Amino acid sequence: MADIQTVSIVIAATSVVAGVVYYAFQLRHSIKARQMDLLMRLYLTWGSEDMKKALQDVFATEFKDYDDFMKKYGLAS
């Protein structure tokens, strides 16, 4: 029969392993929650009316090369 000291060592080791496994699952869940939060924040920014209008303006620009762009839209002299 096992004595009390051996049983307490087994219980302590088991609880440490259970704690590590629990922490690993919590960490994994936390990473997924942060990724989802980032995705939702990006969606809110890119889906806003201001962003849609700004992208429409950028896509509507017409230029041949960098110098042409600077002449039409930039501060080039």
PDB file of N, CA and C in Angstrom:
ATOM      1  N   MET A   1       0.844  -1.180   0.000  1.00  0.00           N
ATOM      2  CA  MET A   1       0.000   0.000   0.000  1.00  0.00           C
ATOM      3  C   MET A   1       0.887   1.240   0.000  1.00  0.00           C
ATOM      4  N   ALA A   2       0.448   2.268  -0.716  1.00  0.00           N
ATOM      5  CA  ALA A   2       1.217   3.503  -0.813  1.00  0.00           C
ATOM      6  C   ALA A   2       1.032   4.316   0.462  1.00  0.00           C
ATOM      7  N   ASP A   3       2.110   4.955   0.867  1.00  0.00           N
ATOM      8  CA  ASP A   3       2.001   5.790   2.068  1.00  0.00           C
ATOM      9  C   ASP A   3       1.500   7.187   1.691  1.00  0.00           C
ATOM     10  N   ILE A   4       1.224   7.988   2.677  1.00  0.00           N
ATOM     11  CA  ILE A   4       0.633   9.316   2.488  1.00  0.00           C
ATOM     12  C   ILE A   4       1.568  10.238   1.706  1.00  0.00           C
ATOM     13  N   GLN A   5       2.854  10.151   1.925  1.00  0.00           N
ATOM     14  CA  GLN A   5       3.805  11.018   1.226  1.00  0.00           C
ATOM     15  C   GLN A   5       3.796  10.741  -0.281  1.00  0.00           C
ATOM     16  N   THR A   6       3.754   9.501  -0.676  1.00  0.00           N
ATOM     17  CA  THR A   6       3.722   9.141  -2.090  1.00  0.00           C
ATOM     18  C   THR A   6       2.430   9.625  -2.740  1.00  0.00           C
ATOM     19  N   VAL A   7       1.324   9.446  -2.047  1.00  0.00           N
ATOM     20  CA  VAL A   7       0.030   9.894  -2.568  1.00  0.00           C
ATOM     21  C   VAL A   7       0.027  11.407  -2.728  1.00  0.00           C
ATOM     22  N   SER A   8       0.563  12.134  -1.768  1.00  0.00           N
ATOM     23  CA  SER A   8       0.579  13.602  -1.862  1.00  0.00           C
ATOM     24  C   SER A   8       1.479  14.070  -3.006  1.00  0.00           C
ATOM     25  N   ILE A   9       2.571  13.386  -3.257  1.00  0.00           N
ATOM     26  CA  ILE A   9       3.452  13.737  -4.381  1.00  0.00           C
ATOM     27  C   ILE A   9       2.729  13.509  -5.709  1.00  0.00           C
ATOM     28  N   VAL A  10       2.021  12.405  -5.838  1.00  0.00           N
ATOM     29  CA  VAL A  10       1.266  12.112  -7.057  1.00  0.00           C
ATOM     30  C   VAL A  10       0.167  13.146  -7.268  1.00  0.00           C
ATOM     31  N   ILE A  11      -0.530  13.513  -6.210  1.00  0.00           N
ATOM     32  CA  ILE A  11      -1.585  14.523  -6.309  1.00  0.00           C
ATOM     33  C   ILE A  11      -0.991  15.873  -6.705  1.00  0.00           C
ATOM     34  N   ALA A  12       0.130  16.248  -6.129  1.00  0.00           N
ATOM     35  CA  ALA A  12       0.771  17.521  -6.462  1.00  0.00           C
ATOM     36  C   ALA A  12       1.230  17.539  -7.920  1.00  0.00           C
ATOM     37  N   ALA A  13       1.831  16.462  -8.365  1.00  0.00           N
ATOM     38  CA  ALA A  13       2.296  16.392  -9.752  1.00  0.00           C
ATOM     39  C   ALA A  13       1.113  16.433 -10.718  1.00  0.00           C
ATOM     40  N   THR A  14       0.056  15.720 -10.386  1.00  0.00           N
ATOM     41  CA  THR A  14      -1.138  15.716 -11.234  1.00  0.00           C
ATOM     42  C   THR A  14      -1.764  17.100 -11.303  1.00  0.00           C
ATOM     43  N   SER A  15      -1.796  17.795 -10.188  1.00  0.00           N
ATOM     44  CA  SER A  15      -2.383  19.137 -10.200  1.00  0.00           C
ATOM     45  C   SER A  15      -1.528  20.120 -10.993  1.00  0.00           C
ATOM     46  N   VAL A  16      -0.223  19.975 -10.963  1.00  0.00           N
ATOM     47  CA  VAL A  16       0.649  20.844 -11.765  1.00  0.00           C
ATOM     48  C   VAL A  16       0.411  20.581 -13.254  1.00  0.00           C
ATOM     49  N   VAL A  17       0.326  19.318 -13.640  1.00  0.00           N
ATOM     50  CA  VAL A  17       0.070  18.983 -15.044  1.00  0.00           C
ATOM     51  C   VAL A  17      -1.299  19.524 -15.470  1.00  0.00           C
ATOM     52  N   ALA A  18      -2.310  19.363 -14.624  1.00  0.00           N
ATOM     53  CA  ALA A  18      -3.651  19.866 -14.944  1.00  0.00           C
ATOM     54  C   ALA A  18      -3.628  21.392 -15.077  1.00  0.00           C
ATOM     55  N   GLY A  19      -2.877  22.076 -14.228  1.00  0.00           N
ATOM     56  CA  GLY A  19      -2.766  23.527 -14.315  1.00  0.00           C
ATOM     57  C   GLY A  19      -2.100  23.981 -15.609  1.00  0.00           C
ATOM     58  N   VAL A  20      -1.073  23.280 -16.017  1.00  0.00           N
ATOM     59  CA  VAL A  20      -0.374  23.622 -17.259  1.00  0.00           C
ATOM     60  C   VAL A  20      -1.292  23.402 -18.465  1.00  0.00           C
ATOM     61  N   VAL A  21      -2.020  22.318 -18.478  1.00  0.00           N
ATOM     62  CA  VAL A  21      -2.950  22.038 -19.577  1.00  0.00           C
ATOM     63  C   VAL A  21      -4.046  23.099 -19.619  1.00  0.00           C
ATOM     64  N   TYR A  22      -4.593  23.446 -18.464  1.00  0.00           N
ATOM     65  CA  TYR A  22      -5.628  24.482 -18.387  1.00  0.00           C
ATOM     66  C   TYR A  22      -5.092  25.813 -18.894  1.00  0.00           C
ATOM     67  N   TYR A  23      -3.883  26.195 -18.493  1.00  0.00           N
ATOM     68  CA  TYR A  23      -3.282  27.448 -18.944  1.00  0.00           C
ATOM     69  C   TYR A  23      -3.059  27.442 -20.451  1.00  0.00           C
ATOM     70  N   ALA A  24      -2.656  26.304 -21.000  1.00  0.00           N
ATOM     71  CA  ALA A  24      -2.445  26.214 -22.454  1.00  0.00           C
ATOM     72  C   ALA A  24      -3.756  26.424 -23.201  1.00  0.00           C
ATOM     73  N   PHE A  25      -4.834  25.835 -22.714  1.00  0.00           N
ATOM     74  CA  PHE A  25      -6.132  26.043 -23.351  1.00  0.00           C
ATOM     75  C   PHE A  25      -6.592  27.493 -23.217  1.00  0.00           C
ATOM     76  N   GLN A  26      -6.373  28.095 -22.069  1.00  0.00           N
ATOM     77  CA  GLN A  26      -6.751  29.492 -21.869  1.00  0.00           C
ATOM     78  C   GLN A  26      -5.952  30.412 -22.790  1.00  0.00           C
ATOM     79  N   LEU A  27      -4.673  30.143 -22.929  1.00  0.00           N
ATOM     80  CA  LEU A  27      -3.817  30.944 -23.804  1.00  0.00           C
ATOM     81  C   LEU A  27      -4.268  30.827 -25.255  1.00  0.00           C
ATOM     82  N   ARG A  28      -4.588  29.627 -25.669  1.00  0.00           N
ATOM     83  CA  ARG A  28      -5.076  29.405 -27.039  1.00  0.00           C
ATOM     84  C   ARG A  28      -6.383  30.155 -27.274  1.00  0.00           C
ATOM     85  N   HIS A  29      -7.291  30.087 -26.313  1.00  0.00           N
ATOM     86  CA  HIS A  29      -8.563  30.806 -26.433  1.00  0.00           C
ATOM     87  C   HIS A  29      -8.332  32.313 -26.471  1.00  0.00           C
ATOM     88  N   SER A  30      -7.421  32.800 -25.668  1.00  0.00           N
ATOM     89  CA  SER A  30      -7.114  34.228 -25.631  1.00  0.00           C
ATOM     90  C   SER A  30      -6.562  34.710 -26.969  1.00  0.00           C
ATOM     91  N   ILE A  31      -5.692  33.930 -27.585  1.00  0.00           N
ATOM     92  CA  ILE A  31      -5.129  34.296 -28.891  1.00  0.00           C
ATOM     93  C   ILE A  31      -6.231  34.344 -29.943  1.00  0.00           C
ATOM     94  N   LYS A  32      -7.117  33.358 -29.954  1.00  0.00           N
ATOM     95  CA  LYS A  32      -8.214  33.350 -30.921  1.00  0.00           C
ATOM     96  C   LYS A  32      -9.147  34.537 -30.698  1.00  0.00           C
ATOM     97  N   ALA A  33      -9.414  34.878 -29.436  1.00  0.00           N
ATOM     98  CA  ALA A  33     -10.286  36.016 -29.144  1.00  0.00           C
ATOM     99  C   ALA A  33      -9.646  37.320 -29.608  1.00  0.00           C
ATOM    100  N   ARG A  34      -8.334  37.474 -29.417  1.00  0.00           N
ATOM    101  CA  ARG A  34      -7.656  38.690 -29.878  1.00  0.00           C
ATOM    102  C   ARG A  34      -7.651  38.780 -31.396  1.00  0.00           C
ATOM    103  N   GLN A  35      -7.464  37.662 -32.080  1.00  0.00           N
ATOM    104  CA  GLN A  35      -7.498  37.666 -33.541  1.00  0.00           C
ATOM    105  C   GLN A  35      -8.884  38.055 -34.047  1.00  0.00           C
ATOM    106  N   MET A  36      -9.933  37.536 -33.404  1.00  0.00           N
ATOM    107  CA  MET A  36     -11.287  37.875 -33.819  1.00  0.00           C
ATOM    108  C   MET A  36     -11.575  39.345 -33.552  1.00  0.00           C
ATOM    109  N   ASP A  37     -11.087  39.869 -32.441  1.00  0.00           N
ATOM    110  CA  ASP A  37     -11.266  41.286 -32.131  1.00  0.00           C
ATOM    111  C   ASP A  37     -10.583  42.160 -33.177  1.00  0.00           C
ATOM    112  N   LEU A  38      -9.359  41.785 -33.559  1.00  0.00           N
ATOM    113  CA  LEU A  38      -8.640  42.527 -34.592  1.00  0.00           C
ATOM    114  C   LEU A  38      -9.394  42.488 -35.912  1.00  0.00           C
ATOM    115  N   LEU A  39      -9.892  41.321 -36.284  1.00  0.00           N
ATOM    116  CA  LEU A  39     -10.641  41.176 -37.522  1.00  0.00           C
ATOM    117  C   LEU A  39     -11.885  42.059 -37.519  1.00  0.00           C
ATOM    118  N   MET A  40     -12.604  42.084 -36.412  1.00  0.00           N
ATOM    119  CA  MET A  40     -13.811  42.895 -36.341  1.00  0.00           C
ATOM    120  C   MET A  40     -13.484  44.382 -36.386  1.00  0.00           C
ATOM    121  N   ARG A  41     -12.410  44.796 -35.729  1.00  0.00           N
ATOM    122  CA  ARG A  41     -12.020  46.211 -35.783  1.00  0.00           C
ATOM    123  C   ARG A  41     -11.612  46.620 -37.192  1.00  0.00           C
ATOM    124  N   LEU A  42     -10.877  45.761 -37.884  1.00  0.00           N
ATOM    125  CA  LEU A  42     -10.502  46.057 -39.264  1.00  0.00           C
ATOM    126  C   LEU A  42     -11.734  46.116 -40.160  1.00  0.00           C
ATOM    127  N   TYR A  43     -12.668  45.215 -39.949  1.00  0.00           N
ATOM    128  CA  TYR A  43     -13.886  45.209 -40.743  1.00  0.00           C
ATOM    129  C   TYR A  43     -14.668  46.503 -40.538  1.00  0.00           C
ATOM    130  N   LEU A  44     -14.761  46.954 -39.291  1.00  0.00           N
ATOM    131  CA  LEU A  44     -15.480  48.198 -39.012  1.00  0.00           C
ATOM    132  C   LEU A  44     -14.806  49.384 -39.691  1.00  0.00           C
ATOM    133  N   THR A  45     -13.479  49.395 -39.702  1.00  0.00           N
ATOM    134  CA  THR A  45     -12.757  50.497 -40.332  1.00  0.00           C
ATOM    135  C   THR A  45     -12.905  50.444 -41.844  1.00  0.00           C
ATOM    136  N   TRP A  46     -12.651  49.292 -42.444  1.00  0.00           N
ATOM    137  CA  TRP A  46     -12.683  49.172 -43.898  1.00  0.00           C
ATOM    138  C   TRP A  46     -14.101  49.190 -44.451  1.00  0.00           C
ATOM    139  N   GLY A  47     -15.084  48.895 -43.629  1.00  0.00           N
ATOM    140  CA  GLY A  47     -16.473  48.882 -44.088  1.00  0.00           C
ATOM    141  C   GLY A  47     -17.189  50.208 -43.901  1.00  0.00           C
ATOM    142  N   SER A  48     -16.527  51.204 -43.329  1.00  0.00           N
ATOM    143  CA  SER A  48     -17.186  52.480 -43.079  1.00  0.00           C
ATOM    144  C   SER A  48     -17.380  53.264 -44.378  1.00  0.00           C
ATOM    145  N   GLU A  49     -18.320  54.176 -44.367  1.00  0.00           N
ATOM    146  CA  GLU A  49     -18.602  54.985 -45.559  1.00  0.00           C
ATOM    147  C   GLU A  49     -17.420  55.872 -45.925  1.00  0.00           C
ATOM    148  N   ASP A  50     -16.723  56.416 -44.934  1.00  0.00           N
ATOM    149  CA  ASP A  50     -15.560  57.260 -45.217  1.00  0.00           C
ATOM    150  C   ASP A  50     -14.477  56.483 -45.956  1.00  0.00           C
ATOM    151  N   MET A  51     -14.243  55.258 -45.528  1.00  0.00           N
ATOM    152  CA  MET A  51     -13.220  54.443 -46.177  1.00  0.00           C
ATOM    153  C   MET A  51     -13.636  54.065 -47.597  1.00  0.00           C
ATOM    154  N   LYS A  52     -14.914  53.755 -47.779  1.00  0.00           N
ATOM    155  CA  LYS A  52     -15.400  53.427 -49.121  1.00  0.00           C
ATOM    156  C   LYS A  52     -15.232  54.614 -50.064  1.00  0.00           C
ATOM    157  N   LYS A  53     -15.551  55.813 -49.587  1.00  0.00           N
ATOM    158  CA  LYS A  53     -15.393  57.007 -50.419  1.00  0.00           C
ATOM    159  C   LYS A  53     -13.921  57.269 -50.735  1.00  0.00           C
ATOM    160  N   ALA A  54     -13.062  57.099 -49.750  1.00  0.00           N
ATOM    161  CA  ALA A  54     -11.631  57.326 -49.963  1.00  0.00           C
ATOM    162  C   ALA A  54     -11.064  56.322 -50.963  1.00  0.00           C
ATOM    163  N   LEU A  55     -11.443  55.066 -50.846  1.00  0.00           N
ATOM    164  CA  LEU A  55     -10.974  54.056 -51.799  1.00  0.00           C
ATOM    165  C   LEU A  55     -11.511  54.321 -53.201  1.00  0.00           C
ATOM    166  N   GLN A  56     -12.740  54.788 -53.283  1.00  0.00           N
ATOM    167  CA  GLN A  56     -13.310  55.122 -54.586  1.00  0.00           C
ATOM    168  C   GLN A  56     -12.527  56.260 -55.231  1.00  0.00           C
ATOM    169  N   ASP A  57     -12.132  57.238 -54.430  1.00  0.00           N
ATOM    170  CA  ASP A  57     -11.316  58.339 -54.952  1.00  0.00           C
ATOM    171  C   ASP A  57      -9.954  57.846 -55.434  1.00  0.00           C
ATOM    172  N   VAL A  58      -9.345  56.951 -54.681  1.00  0.00           N
ATOM    173  CA  VAL A  58      -8.029  56.424 -55.062  1.00  0.00           C
ATOM    174  C   VAL A  58      -8.132  55.614 -56.349  1.00  0.00           C
ATOM    175  N   PHE A  59      -9.169  54.782 -56.458  1.00  0.00           N
ATOM    176  CA  PHE A  59      -9.319  53.964 -57.664  1.00  0.00           C
ATOM    177  C   PHE A  59      -9.709  54.797 -58.883  1.00  0.00           C
ATOM    178  N   ALA A  60     -10.263  55.972 -58.669  1.00  0.00           N
ATOM    179  CA  ALA A  60     -10.687  56.819 -59.786  1.00  0.00           C
ATOM    180  C   ALA A  60      -9.545  57.665 -60.344  1.00  0.00           C
ATOM    181  N   THR A  61      -8.401  57.689 -59.684  1.00  0.00           N
ATOM    182  CA  THR A  61      -7.276  58.481 -60.187  1.00  0.00           C
ATOM    183  C   THR A  61      -6.725  57.863 -61.460  1.00  0.00           C
ATOM    184  N   GLU A  62      -6.350  58.726 -62.378  1.00  0.00           N
ATOM    185  CA  GLU A  62      -5.781  58.268 -63.643  1.00  0.00           C
ATOM    186  C   GLU A  62      -4.439  58.957 -63.847  1.00  0.00           C
ATOM    187  N   PHE A  63      -3.415  58.149 -64.020  1.00  0.00           N
ATOM    188  CA  PHE A  63      -2.071  58.678 -64.249  1.00  0.00           C
ATOM    189  C   PHE A  63      -1.249  57.631 -64.980  1.00  0.00           C
ATOM    190  N   LYS A  64      -0.227  58.095 -65.665  1.00  0.00           N
ATOM    191  CA  LYS A  64       0.626  57.197 -66.459  1.00  0.00           C
ATOM    192  C   LYS A  64       1.802  56.670 -65.661  1.00  0.00           C
ATOM    193  N   ASP A  65       2.455  57.583 -64.940  1.00  0.00           N
ATOM    194  CA  ASP A  65       3.617  57.204 -64.147  1.00  0.00           C
ATOM    195  C   ASP A  65       3.703  58.136 -62.936  1.00  0.00           C
ATOM    196  N   TYR A  66       4.770  58.007 -62.185  1.00  0.00           N
ATOM    197  CA  TYR A  66       4.919  58.788 -60.952  1.00  0.00           C
ATOM    198  C   TYR A  66       4.934  60.283 -61.235  1.00  0.00           C
ATOM    199  N   ASP A  67       5.647  60.714 -62.245  1.00  0.00           N
ATOM    200  CA  ASP A  67       5.721  62.140 -62.558  1.00  0.00           C
ATOM    201  C   ASP A  67       4.347  62.688 -62.945  1.00  0.00           C
ATOM    202  N   ASP A  68       3.594  61.930 -63.725  1.00  0.00           N
ATOM    203  CA  ASP A  68       2.250  62.347 -64.099  1.00  0.00           C
ATOM    204  C   ASP A  68       1.359  62.447 -62.857  1.00  0.00           C
ATOM    205  N   PHE A  69       1.486  61.491 -61.955  1.00  0.00           N
ATOM    206  CA  PHE A  69       0.699  61.528 -60.719  1.00  0.00           C
ATOM    207  C   PHE A  69       1.043  62.771 -59.904  1.00  0.00           C
ATOM    208  N   MET A  70       2.324  63.042 -59.741  1.00  0.00           N
ATOM    209  CA  MET A  70       2.737  64.203 -58.958  1.00  0.00           C
ATOM    210  C   MET A  70       2.280  65.518 -59.606  1.00  0.00           C
ATOM    211  N   LYS A  71       2.266  65.538 -60.919  1.00  0.00           N
ATOM    212  CA  LYS A  71       1.830  66.743 -61.628  1.00  0.00           C
ATOM    213  C   LYS A  71       0.322  66.977 -61.397  1.00  0.00           C
ATOM    214  N   LYS A  72      -0.481  65.911 -61.450  1.00  0.00           N
ATOM    215  CA  LYS A  72      -1.926  66.051 -61.314  1.00  0.00           C
ATOM    216  C   LYS A  72      -2.381  66.177 -59.870  1.00  0.00           C
ATOM    217  N   TYR A  73      -1.805  65.360 -58.983  1.00  0.00           N
ATOM    218  CA  TYR A  73      -2.345  65.245 -57.628  1.00  0.00           C
ATOM    219  C   TYR A  73      -1.376  65.644 -56.537  1.00  0.00           C
ATOM    220  N   GLY A  74      -0.102  65.769 -56.853  1.00  0.00           N
ATOM    221  CA  GLY A  74       0.890  65.992 -55.822  1.00  0.00           C
ATOM    222  C   GLY A  74       1.324  67.424 -55.709  1.00  0.00           C
ATOM    223  N   LEU A  75       2.418  67.642 -55.046  1.00  0.00           N
ATOM    224  CA  LEU A  75       2.962  68.971 -54.794  1.00  0.00           C
ATOM    225  C   LEU A  75       4.178  69.240 -55.649  1.00  0.00           C
ATOM    226  N   ALA A  76       4.338  68.507 -56.725  1.00  0.00           N
ATOM    227  CA  ALA A  76       5.512  68.689 -57.582  1.00  0.00           C
ATOM    228  C   ALA A  76       5.433  70.027 -58.301  1.00  0.00           C
ATOM    229  N   SER A  77       6.598  70.614 -58.545  1.00  0.00           N
ATOM    230  CA  SER A  77       6.625  71.892 -59.227  1.00  0.00           C
ATOM    231  C   SER A  77       6.805  71.744 -60.721  1.00  0.00           C
TER     232      SER A  77
END
